[in-house]
Amino acid sequence: MANILEELWRGNVVPYGSVRHTPEMTQLMGYIARHHEKLTSNLTGELKETFEKLDDCWNEYAELCDKEVFIHAFRLGMQIAIAAMTERDD
């Protein structure tokens, strides 16, 4: 435990950059990239600009959701740890 706390203090633990992609996620990302490219290559002018803004907003929204999920999961994990350390076996 001391090692993970030291690594966290030193800034070596970065939870948002450590997502392991499953084969299903990798396949889905390929589909998304292909459809995104097909769509953007057919858009011009104002529609392309609008789609880029939509894409930027969606990415920002996803980042905010990821942050909230991380916070919730961390808190839940801490509550489980606290319960495991404080509950008595009767």
Protein backbone atom coordinates (compact mmCIF):
# COMPACT_ATOMS: atom_id res chain seq x y z
CA MET A 1 0.00 0.00 0.00
CA ALA A 2 2.81 2.42 0.81
CA ASN A 3 4.24 1.95 -2.68
CA ILE A 4 0.99 2.90 -4.42
CA LEU A 5 0.61 5.96 -2.17
CA GLU A 6 4.17 7.03 -2.93
CA GLU A 7 3.60 6.53 -6.65
CA LEU A 8 0.39 8.58 -6.41
CA TRP A 9 2.23 11.36 -4.57
CA ARG A 10 4.97 11.39 -7.21
CA GLY A 11 2.37 11.65 -9.97
CA ASN A 12 3.19 8.25 -11.45
CA VAL A 13 -0.33 6.88 -11.02
CA VAL A 14 -2.57 8.20 -13.75
CA PRO A 15 -5.91 6.34 -13.67
CA TYR A 16 -7.41 8.06 -16.69
CA GLY A 17 -4.70 6.81 -19.02
CA SER A 18 -4.76 3.16 -18.07
CA VAL A 19 -7.87 1.82 -19.83
CA ARG A 20 -7.33 -1.65 -21.23
CA HIS A 21 -9.21 -2.09 -24.46
CA THR A 22 -10.99 -5.38 -24.90
CA PRO A 23 -11.21 -6.91 -28.38
CA GLU A 24 -14.84 -5.75 -28.53
CA MET A 25 -13.84 -2.18 -27.69
CA THR A 26 -11.09 -2.22 -30.32
CA GLN A 27 -13.53 -3.52 -32.93
CA LEU A 28 -16.10 -0.88 -32.00
CA MET A 29 -13.48 1.89 -32.19
CA GLY A 30 -12.66 0.69 -35.71
CA TYR A 31 -16.33 0.94 -36.69
CA ILE A 32 -16.61 4.39 -35.16
CA ALA A 33 -13.50 5.63 -36.96
CA ARG A 34 -14.67 4.21 -40.28
CA HIS A 35 -18.16 5.73 -40.00
CA HIS A 36 -16.74 9.04 -38.78
CA GLU A 37 -14.38 9.22 -41.74
CA LYS A 38 -17.12 8.30 -44.22
CA LEU A 39 -19.46 10.92 -42.80
CA THR A 40 -16.91 13.74 -42.60
CA SER A 41 -15.60 13.08 -46.10
CA ASN A 42 -19.10 13.69 -47.49
CA LEU A 43 -19.79 16.87 -45.55
CA THR A 44 -18.84 20.32 -46.75
CA GLY A 45 -19.01 23.87 -45.50
CA GLU A 46 -21.42 24.67 -42.74
CA LEU A 47 -22.51 21.05 -42.23
CA LYS A 48 -18.92 19.94 -41.74
CA GLU A 49 -18.32 22.76 -39.26
CA THR A 50 -21.51 21.87 -37.37
CA PHE A 51 -20.52 18.20 -37.24
CA GLU A 52 -17.04 19.09 -35.94
CA LYS A 53 -18.63 21.19 -33.18
CA LEU A 54 -20.96 18.30 -32.34
CA ASP A 55 -17.99 15.95 -32.26
CA ASP A 56 -16.06 18.31 -29.94
CA CYS A 57 -19.05 18.63 -27.61
CA TRP A 58 -19.52 14.85 -27.54
CA ASN A 59 -15.85 14.32 -26.68
CA GLU A 60 -16.06 16.88 -23.87
CA TYR A 61 -19.24 15.26 -22.55
CA ALA A 62 -17.61 11.79 -22.63
CA GLU A 63 -14.60 13.13 -20.72
CA LEU A 64 -16.88 14.61 -18.03
CA CYS A 65 -18.77 11.31 -17.79
CA ASP A 66 -15.51 9.39 -17.45
CA LYS A 67 -14.47 11.70 -14.61
CA GLU A 68 -17.77 11.23 -12.78
CA VAL A 69 -17.63 7.44 -13.21
CA PHE A 70 -14.07 7.42 -11.83
CA ILE A 71 -15.08 9.51 -8.82
CA HIS A 72 -18.11 7.34 -8.11
CA ALA A 73 -16.14 4.09 -8.49
CA PHE A 74 -13.31 5.38 -6.30
CA ARG A 75 -15.73 6.40 -3.57
CA LEU A 76 -17.53 3.08 -3.78
CA GLY A 77 -14.22 1.23 -3.55
CA MET A 78 -13.25 3.26 -0.50
CA GLN A 79 -16.60 2.56 1.15
CA ILE A 80 -16.08 -1.16 0.55
CA ALA A 81 -12.54 -0.97 1.97
CA ILE A 82 -13.73 0.96 5.03
CA ALA A 83 -16.53 -1.54 5.62
CA ALA A 84 -14.12 -4.45 5.28
CA MET A 85 -11.70 -2.87 7.76
CA THR A 86 -14.28 -1.75 10.35
CA GLU A 87 -16.97 -4.43 10.37
CA ARG A 88 -16.63 -7.08 13.00
CA ASP A 89 -17.06 -10.76 12.38
CA ASP A 90 -19.52 -11.89 15.03
